[in-house]
């Protein structure tokens, strides 16, 4: 009997679909951003980030408990100080809000929680830019000294990893040198290697009080028209000693994530930023989408593009979705 042999899609049932998935994700690869604010007894909702909160140091462990219950044990800390000045001195102060937050979390949880700290100056400077100003411009080389000081201060407080987000040239080399000189050779650096000048950061800037008081950050963040530039920046950061490279934002830059994953054997992180989170929340609240399904689908798309690590405000919900078998 003649047979018509042709390729066809297998008729998978739910069990087989999960068994043969090409893209796998784990709660171990999720990082939750947390905002720590100067003051006492603070747990205040962030209006621009539905479901997210500002915590004071004395209450931040409430957020850590919640994260651990969901299966997330990696945190990315952002600080919001009461005092800001032109040099961002609270960013590297021994009693700075992030430094105190690190010590409190480590005091209560030790190595059960892995702490990553954002290293930048925009939340700490009175002008809101990511470095030291020279007139109306950021002085790249002078800023490097400060970024190294911030990184060392975080490591001294107990940070497990530092994550510079400033986008200054040669900052990875400066931070690596600073850490090594102070005996922190084993503190790794997750570089915001390809950080675009994006409109998706709006809710974060409101949450962190970090909008620039004049101008913008286009002179040191990347033009979203450019992909080759991202690959160049990633290669430079790798050469300077980065241990993990990051693409930020994520959903509108899946092509960049994919290209970066092809040029390095280092782990690739992606930051699904505040605007991406806020859009899903707003569309769900308007009844236009199913929040849970879109959250899951968008996260998987980031991993499918080539990310190994995902920084997301949905980290807890995604960990629960993985445990239920809906993704992962």
Protein backbone atom coordinates (compact mmCIF):
# COMPACT_ATOMS: atom_id res chain seq x y z
CA UNK A 1 0.00 0.00 0.00
CA UNK A 2 1.38 3.40 -0.96
CA UNK A 3 1.88 5.65 2.06
CA UNK A 4 1.89 9.42 2.05
CA UNK A 5 4.88 10.07 4.32
CA UNK A 6 5.04 13.66 5.50
CA UNK A 7 6.18 15.54 8.57
CA UNK A 8 3.49 16.29 11.05
CA UNK A 9 3.15 17.91 14.44
CA UNK A 10 2.84 15.39 17.23
CA UNK A 11 -0.44 15.38 19.07
CA UNK A 12 0.91 16.02 22.55
CA UNK A 13 -1.19 15.68 25.64
CA UNK A 14 -0.46 17.87 28.67
CA UNK A 15 2.03 15.41 30.18
CA UNK A 16 4.06 15.06 26.98
CA UNK A 17 4.01 18.82 26.34
CA UNK A 18 5.75 19.43 29.66
CA UNK A 19 8.17 16.57 29.10
CA UNK A 20 9.43 17.85 25.73
CA UNK A 21 9.56 21.58 26.42
CA UNK A 22 12.57 23.23 24.82
CA UNK A 23 12.77 26.16 27.22
CA UNK A 24 13.14 25.37 30.91
CA UNK A 25 13.23 27.88 33.74
CA UNK A 26 13.82 27.52 37.46
CA UNK A 27 13.13 29.67 40.52
CA UNK A 28 16.91 29.58 41.04
CA UNK A 29 17.29 31.89 38.03
CA UNK A 30 14.84 34.55 39.28
CA UNK A 31 15.91 37.78 41.00
CA UNK A 32 13.48 40.05 42.84
CA UNK A 33 14.16 43.82 43.01
CA UNK A 34 13.54 45.42 46.42
CA UNK A 35 13.43 49.11 47.37
CA UNK A 36 14.86 50.02 50.78
CA UNK A 37 14.04 53.48 52.11
CA UNK A 38 15.49 55.56 54.92
CA UNK A 39 13.20 55.82 57.93
CA UNK A 40 11.46 53.52 60.37
CA UNK A 41 8.41 51.26 60.29
CA UNK A 42 7.90 51.81 56.55
CA UNK A 43 6.01 49.48 54.27
CA UNK A 44 4.39 51.82 51.80
CA UNK A 45 2.82 50.91 48.45
CA UNK A 46 4.57 52.24 45.33
CA UNK A 47 1.82 53.89 43.32
CA UNK A 48 3.57 53.41 39.98
CA UNK A 49 4.32 49.73 40.66
CA UNK A 50 1.14 47.99 41.78
CA UNK A 51 1.99 45.28 44.31
CA UNK A 52 5.47 46.61 45.11
CA UNK A 53 6.52 48.45 48.27
CA UNK A 54 9.10 50.69 49.85
CA UNK A 55 10.54 49.08 52.98
CA UNK A 56 12.57 50.59 55.77
CA UNK A 57 15.49 48.54 57.05
CA UNK A 58 13.55 47.45 60.14
CA UNK A 59 10.77 45.96 57.96
CA UNK A 60 12.64 44.74 54.88
CA UNK A 61 12.74 41.19 56.22
CA UNK A 62 8.97 41.04 55.79
CA UNK A 63 9.64 41.20 52.05
CA UNK A 64 12.43 38.64 52.35
CA UNK A 65 10.14 36.21 54.20
CA UNK A 66 7.53 36.54 51.45
CA UNK A 67 10.11 35.97 48.73
CA UNK A 68 11.50 32.88 50.44
CA UNK A 69 8.01 31.44 50.90
CA UNK A 70 7.52 31.64 47.13
CA UNK A 71 10.88 30.00 46.41
CA UNK A 72 12.89 33.13 45.52
CA UNK A 73 16.12 33.69 47.46
CA UNK A 74 17.96 36.21 45.27
CA UNK A 75 17.37 39.93 45.77
CA UNK A 76 18.51 43.04 43.92
CA UNK A 77 18.59 45.95 46.37
CA UNK A 78 17.95 49.61 45.50
CA UNK A 79 18.37 52.36 48.09
CA UNK A 80 16.36 55.53 48.58
CA UNK A 81 18.15 57.88 50.98
CA UNK A 82 16.69 60.87 52.82
CA UNK A 83 19.79 62.94 52.07
CA UNK A 84 21.07 63.58 48.55
CA UNK A 85 24.04 65.68 47.45
CA UNK A 86 26.09 66.37 44.34
CA UNK A 87 28.49 63.50 45.10
CA UNK A 88 25.88 60.94 46.13
CA UNK A 89 27.72 60.42 49.41
CA UNK A 90 25.03 58.17 50.89
CA UNK A 91 25.71 55.65 48.15
CA UNK A 92 29.05 54.70 49.73
CA UNK A 93 28.43 55.68 53.37
CA UNK A 94 29.02 52.92 55.91
CA UNK A 95 25.61 53.69 57.42
CA UNK A 96 23.88 54.14 54.04
CA UNK A 97 20.43 52.67 53.62
CA UNK A 98 21.57 49.82 51.37
CA UNK A 99 24.53 49.00 53.59
CA UNK A 100 22.24 48.80 56.64
CA UNK A 101 19.76 46.74 54.65
CA UNK A 102 22.43 44.25 53.63
CA UNK A 103 23.60 43.82 57.21
CA UNK A 104 20.08 43.32 58.52
CA UNK A 105 19.17 40.72 55.91
CA UNK A 106 22.44 38.87 56.41
CA UNK A 107 21.99 39.01 60.19
CA UNK A 108 18.65 37.26 59.92
CA UNK A 109 19.18 34.89 56.99
CA UNK A 110 22.92 34.49 56.43
CA UNK A 111 23.70 32.64 53.23
CA UNK A 112 20.08 31.52 52.77
CA UNK A 113 19.56 34.79 50.89
CA UNK A 114 21.81 35.92 48.04
CA UNK A 115 22.11 39.71 47.94
CA UNK A 116 22.93 41.63 44.78
CA UNK A 117 23.26 45.40 44.99
CA UNK A 118 22.61 47.96 42.30
CA UNK A 119 25.66 50.19 41.94
CA UNK A 120 24.78 53.59 40.56
CA UNK A 121 24.49 57.18 41.76
CA UNK A 122 21.19 58.41 40.33
CA UNK A 123 19.16 57.59 43.47
CA UNK A 124 21.74 59.39 45.64
CA UNK A 125 22.68 62.54 43.73
CA UNK A 126 20.80 65.80 44.09
CA UNK A 127 20.82 66.21 40.31
CA UNK A 128 19.63 62.65 39.54
CA UNK A 129 22.39 61.76 37.09
CA UNK A 130 24.41 58.55 37.29
CA UNK A 131 27.78 60.13 37.99
CA UNK A 132 29.79 63.15 39.06
CA UNK A 133 28.97 66.26 37.05
CA UNK A 134 31.40 68.52 35.26
CA UNK A 135 29.13 71.44 34.42
CA UNK A 136 26.15 69.95 32.60
CA UNK A 137 27.92 66.70 31.70
CA UNK A 138 28.82 63.57 33.63
CA UNK A 139 32.57 63.21 34.11
CA UNK A 140 33.11 59.58 33.18
CA UNK A 141 36.60 59.10 34.60
CA UNK A 142 35.94 60.86 37.90
CA UNK A 143 32.77 58.80 38.36
CA UNK A 144 34.75 55.54 38.19
CA UNK A 145 36.39 56.25 41.54
CA UNK A 146 32.99 56.66 43.17
CA UNK A 147 31.54 53.51 41.61
CA UNK A 148 34.46 51.52 43.00
CA UNK A 149 33.91 53.07 46.46
CA UNK A 150 30.21 52.16 46.36
CA UNK A 151 30.97 48.59 45.32
CA UNK A 152 33.55 48.13 48.08
CA UNK A 153 31.17 49.56 50.68
CA UNK A 154 28.48 47.08 49.61
CA UNK A 155 30.93 44.19 49.76
CA UNK A 156 32.09 45.24 53.23
CA UNK A 157 28.46 45.25 54.39
CA UNK A 158 28.05 41.68 53.13
CA UNK A 159 26.76 41.89 49.54
CA UNK A 160 27.26 38.68 47.59
CA UNK A 161 27.40 40.38 44.17
CA UNK A 162 27.47 43.94 42.80
CA UNK A 163 25.60 45.08 39.71
CA UNK A 164 26.77 48.40 38.21
CA UNK A 165 24.00 50.08 36.20
CA UNK A 166 25.62 53.46 35.49
CA UNK A 167 26.95 52.73 31.96
CA UNK A 168 30.21 54.62 32.43
CA UNK A 169 33.08 53.49 30.20
CA UNK A 170 35.65 51.24 31.94
CA UNK A 171 33.59 50.92 35.11
CA UNK A 172 33.89 47.12 35.29
CA UNK A 173 37.68 47.32 35.32
CA UNK A 174 37.59 50.05 37.98
CA UNK A 175 35.17 48.14 40.18
CA UNK A 176 37.05 44.86 39.76
CA UNK A 177 40.30 46.57 40.71
CA UNK A 178 38.69 48.25 43.72
CA UNK A 179 37.15 45.03 45.00
CA UNK A 180 40.36 43.04 44.50
CA UNK A 181 42.48 45.67 46.26
CA UNK A 182 40.23 45.42 49.32
CA UNK A 183 40.23 41.63 49.49
CA UNK A 184 36.92 40.98 47.72
CA UNK A 185 38.30 38.98 44.82
CA UNK A 186 35.41 36.51 45.09
CA UNK A 187 32.62 39.10 44.88
CA UNK A 188 31.33 38.79 41.30
CA UNK A 189 30.12 41.60 39.06
CA UNK A 190 26.85 41.44 37.13
CA UNK A 191 27.22 44.20 34.57
CA UNK A 192 24.34 46.15 33.11
CA UNK A 193 26.30 45.73 29.90
CA UNK A 194 23.65 46.71 27.36
CA UNK A 195 21.44 49.25 29.10
CA UNK A 196 19.33 51.26 26.73
CA UNK A 197 18.05 54.80 27.14
CA UNK A 198 14.46 53.66 27.42
CA UNK A 199 11.01 55.06 28.10
CA UNK A 200 10.20 51.86 29.97
CA UNK A 201 11.98 53.10 33.13
CA UNK A 202 9.31 55.65 34.11
CA UNK A 203 7.70 53.78 37.03
CA UNK A 204 11.11 52.90 38.49
CA UNK A 205 12.27 56.52 38.41
CA UNK A 206 9.12 57.47 40.29
CA UNK A 207 9.67 54.64 42.81
CA UNK A 208 13.35 55.46 43.35
CA UNK A 209 13.09 59.25 43.03
CA UNK A 210 15.86 59.06 40.47
CA UNK A 211 14.66 61.13 37.51
CA UNK A 212 17.36 63.56 36.32
CA UNK A 213 16.71 67.17 37.33
CA UNK A 214 17.82 68.36 33.88
CA UNK A 215 18.51 66.81 30.51
CA UNK A 216 18.47 63.06 30.04
CA UNK A 217 20.81 60.07 30.12
CA UNK A 218 21.24 59.56 26.41
CA UNK A 219 24.89 60.58 26.53
CA UNK A 220 25.80 57.46 28.55
CA UNK A 221 22.92 55.03 28.01
CA UNK A 222 22.45 53.35 24.65
CA UNK A 223 20.39 54.42 21.64
CA UNK A 224 17.59 51.89 21.14
CA UNK A 225 18.20 51.94 17.39
CA UNK A 226 21.52 50.14 17.89
CA UNK A 227 22.21 46.42 18.23
CA UNK A 228 25.87 46.20 17.19
CA UNK A 229 26.71 48.77 19.85
CA UNK A 230 25.22 46.45 22.47
CA UNK A 231 27.48 43.60 21.38
CA UNK A 232 30.48 45.93 21.52
CA UNK A 233 29.57 47.04 25.06
CA UNK A 234 29.12 43.45 26.18
CA UNK A 235 32.51 42.42 24.79
CA UNK A 236 34.22 45.36 26.51
CA UNK A 237 32.65 44.48 29.87
CA UNK A 238 33.66 40.83 29.49
CA UNK A 239 37.23 41.87 28.72
CA UNK A 240 37.25 44.06 31.86
CA UNK A 241 36.18 41.18 34.10
CA UNK A 242 32.37 41.00 34.23
CA UNK A 243 31.06 37.67 35.52
CA UNK A 244 27.50 38.07 34.21
CA UNK A 245 26.26 40.42 31.48
CA UNK A 246 22.81 41.96 31.39
CA UNK A 247 20.45 43.37 28.79
CA UNK A 248 17.97 45.99 29.98
CA UNK A 249 15.04 46.33 29.22
CA UNK A 250 13.94 42.84 28.16
CA UNK A 251 10.74 42.49 26.14
CA UNK A 252 11.51 45.10 23.49
CA UNK A 253 15.10 43.84 23.27
CA UNK A 254 14.66 40.11 22.77
CA UNK A 255 16.75 40.31 19.61
CA UNK A 256 19.60 41.85 21.61
CA UNK A 257 19.34 39.15 24.30
CA UNK A 258 19.53 36.53 21.57
CA UNK A 259 22.59 38.08 19.92
CA UNK A 260 24.38 38.53 23.25
CA UNK A 261 23.76 34.89 24.16
CA UNK A 262 25.52 33.85 20.96
CA UNK A 263 28.74 35.79 21.55
CA UNK A 264 29.55 34.74 25.11
CA UNK A 265 29.68 31.71 27.35
CA UNK A 266 29.03 33.92 30.38
CA UNK A 267 25.54 33.84 31.90
CA UNK A 268 23.19 36.37 30.33
CA UNK A 269 20.73 38.23 32.55
CA UNK A 270 17.72 40.23 31.41
CA UNK A 271 15.90 42.87 33.42
CA UNK A 272 12.16 42.99 32.79
CA UNK A 273 11.82 46.58 33.87
CA UNK A 274 9.19 48.61 35.68
CA UNK A 275 7.40 49.79 32.54
CA UNK A 276 6.95 46.24 31.28
CA UNK A 277 5.53 45.17 34.64
CA UNK A 278 3.28 48.25 34.90
CA UNK A 279 1.84 47.72 31.40
CA UNK A 280 0.82 44.15 32.18
CA UNK A 281 -0.72 45.28 35.48
CA UNK A 282 -2.62 48.15 33.84
CA UNK A 283 -3.92 46.05 30.94
CA UNK A 284 -5.06 43.35 33.35
CA UNK A 285 -6.81 45.89 35.57
CA UNK A 286 -8.63 47.21 32.49
CA UNK A 287 -9.82 43.68 31.71
CA UNK A 288 -7.89 43.53 28.44
CA UNK A 289 -5.63 40.56 29.23
CA UNK A 290 -5.27 37.69 31.65
CA UNK A 291 -2.42 38.86 33.89
CA UNK A 292 -1.21 35.42 34.94
CA UNK A 293 -1.04 34.02 31.41
CA UNK A 294 0.69 37.09 29.98
CA UNK A 295 3.16 37.13 32.87
CA UNK A 296 4.08 33.51 32.18
CA UNK A 297 4.27 33.88 28.41
CA UNK A 298 6.38 37.03 28.48
CA UNK A 299 8.83 35.52 30.98
CA UNK A 300 9.29 32.38 28.89
CA UNK A 301 9.91 34.53 25.80
CA UNK A 302 12.86 36.17 27.56
CA UNK A 303 14.42 32.82 28.41
CA UNK A 304 13.65 31.50 24.93
CA UNK A 305 15.55 34.45 23.47
CA UNK A 306 18.66 33.32 25.37
CA UNK A 307 18.53 34.71 28.91
CA UNK A 308 19.79 32.52 31.75
CA UNK A 309 18.69 34.88 34.54
CA UNK A 310 15.60 37.06 34.86
CA UNK A 311 15.29 40.10 37.11
CA UNK A 312 11.59 40.79 37.48
CA UNK A 313 9.00 42.29 39.82
CA UNK A 314 6.99 39.13 39.08
CA UNK A 315 9.68 36.85 40.53
CA UNK A 316 7.48 35.51 43.33
CA UNK A 317 4.49 34.87 41.08
CA UNK A 318 6.68 33.19 38.47
CA UNK A 319 8.26 30.92 41.08
CA UNK A 320 4.79 29.80 42.10
CA UNK A 321 3.82 29.24 38.46
CA UNK A 322 6.91 27.06 38.03
CA UNK A 323 6.01 25.03 41.13
CA UNK A 324 2.53 24.45 39.68
CA UNK A 325 4.01 23.28 36.39
CA UNK A 326 2.41 26.06 34.35
CA UNK A 327 5.87 27.12 33.17
CA UNK A 328 9.34 25.74 33.69
